[in-house]
Amino acid sequence: MDHQEIYFNQDLETMSQDEIISRQNEKLKEKVRYVVANNAYMRELYAKAGVDANDFRGIEDLDKLPILAKANFRETYPLGLCCVPKSEIREMHMSSGSTGTPVVMPYTVADLDQWAECMARCLRMSGAQPGDPMQIMPSFGLFNGGFGMYHGARKAGLFVIPTGSGNTERQIRLARDFNTRVFGAVISYTGRLIEVMEKMNVELPSLRIGIFGAESVTHAMMEKISARLGIEVYNIYGMTETGGVGTLGMDCQDHSGIHVWEDHYYLEVVDPVTKKLLPDGEVGELVVTSLTREALPVIRFKTGDLTRIVSREKCACGRTHVKIDHISGRTDDMLIIKGVNFFPAQVEQALLEIPGVHSEYQIIMEEKDGVNDIRVLVEAEEGVTGYTVEKRLKERLGFSPKGEVLPIGTLPRVDGKAVRVVRKKLD
């Protein structure tokens, strides 16, 4: 390719930090007044907190605003946080609701364009070029993954192959028939893709770029997939509450952190318990404020995701937007066993360091008489033993969970997010 377009919107992606902060301040003031004027729930919430939207001064007053959580979405289900009439909504997506009432995100025409813009920036940042065939493997439906990639790929001028999830053999045939160069997927599904490729005894030589979201992505998993498929792997970030996949950002070709689109979102990293702002470099819970969304702009939404600010300096890729670290876990998925706190992502990282271990695993949490213990089931090639697994986990986690090695193909496969933690009560 003689000429590569490396930006989708160069002026905005390379603004100085002074320009970014000035824009954020103005947008913050506008958005606080906007939600108070257009949403009764937010108006009452701010009144109880003693917040006068007309006196709000922007970033310096941000910590005076109450923090929103999923509970606020569930309390106001389905559209109690919406700031526009239903007649202006053009699309909606929502979370799975697997832990309660689902979170609903409505979109106006402007919101859909904002989503497409953010996603298109991510695609261009990965090296995807106009006309490149992009295979979209997340499902199309209420889950936002498929549609988010679709909106962005069209805006970025890619050749869209909207396969959706499942039917892995057909996915592989289509990727070969249409010389797919870019694909988006849930990273756990890619393990299934590789298994079926090996069963079919085929390769996908045209693949160059893999974009993965919806699950925590460990460096070990990224390296394993990159090496096996011969592709560059990217970790895309976004959630239902911010408007969907790609709205927050992605890592660039420097792979030194996830760029977050600061002209659209303001970030805070806070102590998960006290909610006090942490200095750059310290790990805490990410709190996000939407600056440009219309239908439902979240203000100080606590994501539950643990990360840290990596850099605010200009990146080697030329972009100036803040970089955060890959999500290391969630405040609500931390496991505590025998006084040791750890996250499923730490288990995955440790397992994939063992030669012969494959990507499929499960953590079985067993409770008996109020005492928790865990077993780690993992698929691996012959020669890997339970002792090997237990030894590596002890080195990484500080205690010895039981390790059970299973033949390849034993654990259940799903088209969407993998189920990594299974909780059981024993008699």
Foldseek 3Di string as FASTA:
>chain_A
DPDFDQFPDQCLQQDAVVVLQVLQQVLQLVVLVQQLVQAPVQVVQCVVLVDDSVPDRGPVCQVSHDAAEVVVQQVCPPQRQWRDDPVQFDDKAWDPCPVHDIGIDTAGPQLLVLLLNLLLRQCSLARDAAAAEEEEAAAPDRAFRLVSNVSNCVSRNYRYRDPYWDPLVVVVVVCQVVLHAEYEAALQVVLVNLVVCVVVVHARVSYAEYEHEPDFDDPLSQVVSCVSNVYHYKYWDDDNQQSHTSSQFIDGPVPQFTFGSSSFKDKFFAAAPPRHGDDAPDKGWIFIFTRDGHTRTRRRYTPQFIWGWDDQPQDPSSGRGTGIHGGQAGNVQWDAAPNFTDHVSLLQVLQSVDPFWGNDKAWEWEAEPRHTAIEIETEGDPPDQQVNSQVSCCVRGVHGGGYHYDHPPPDDDDRHDDHHYHYYYDD
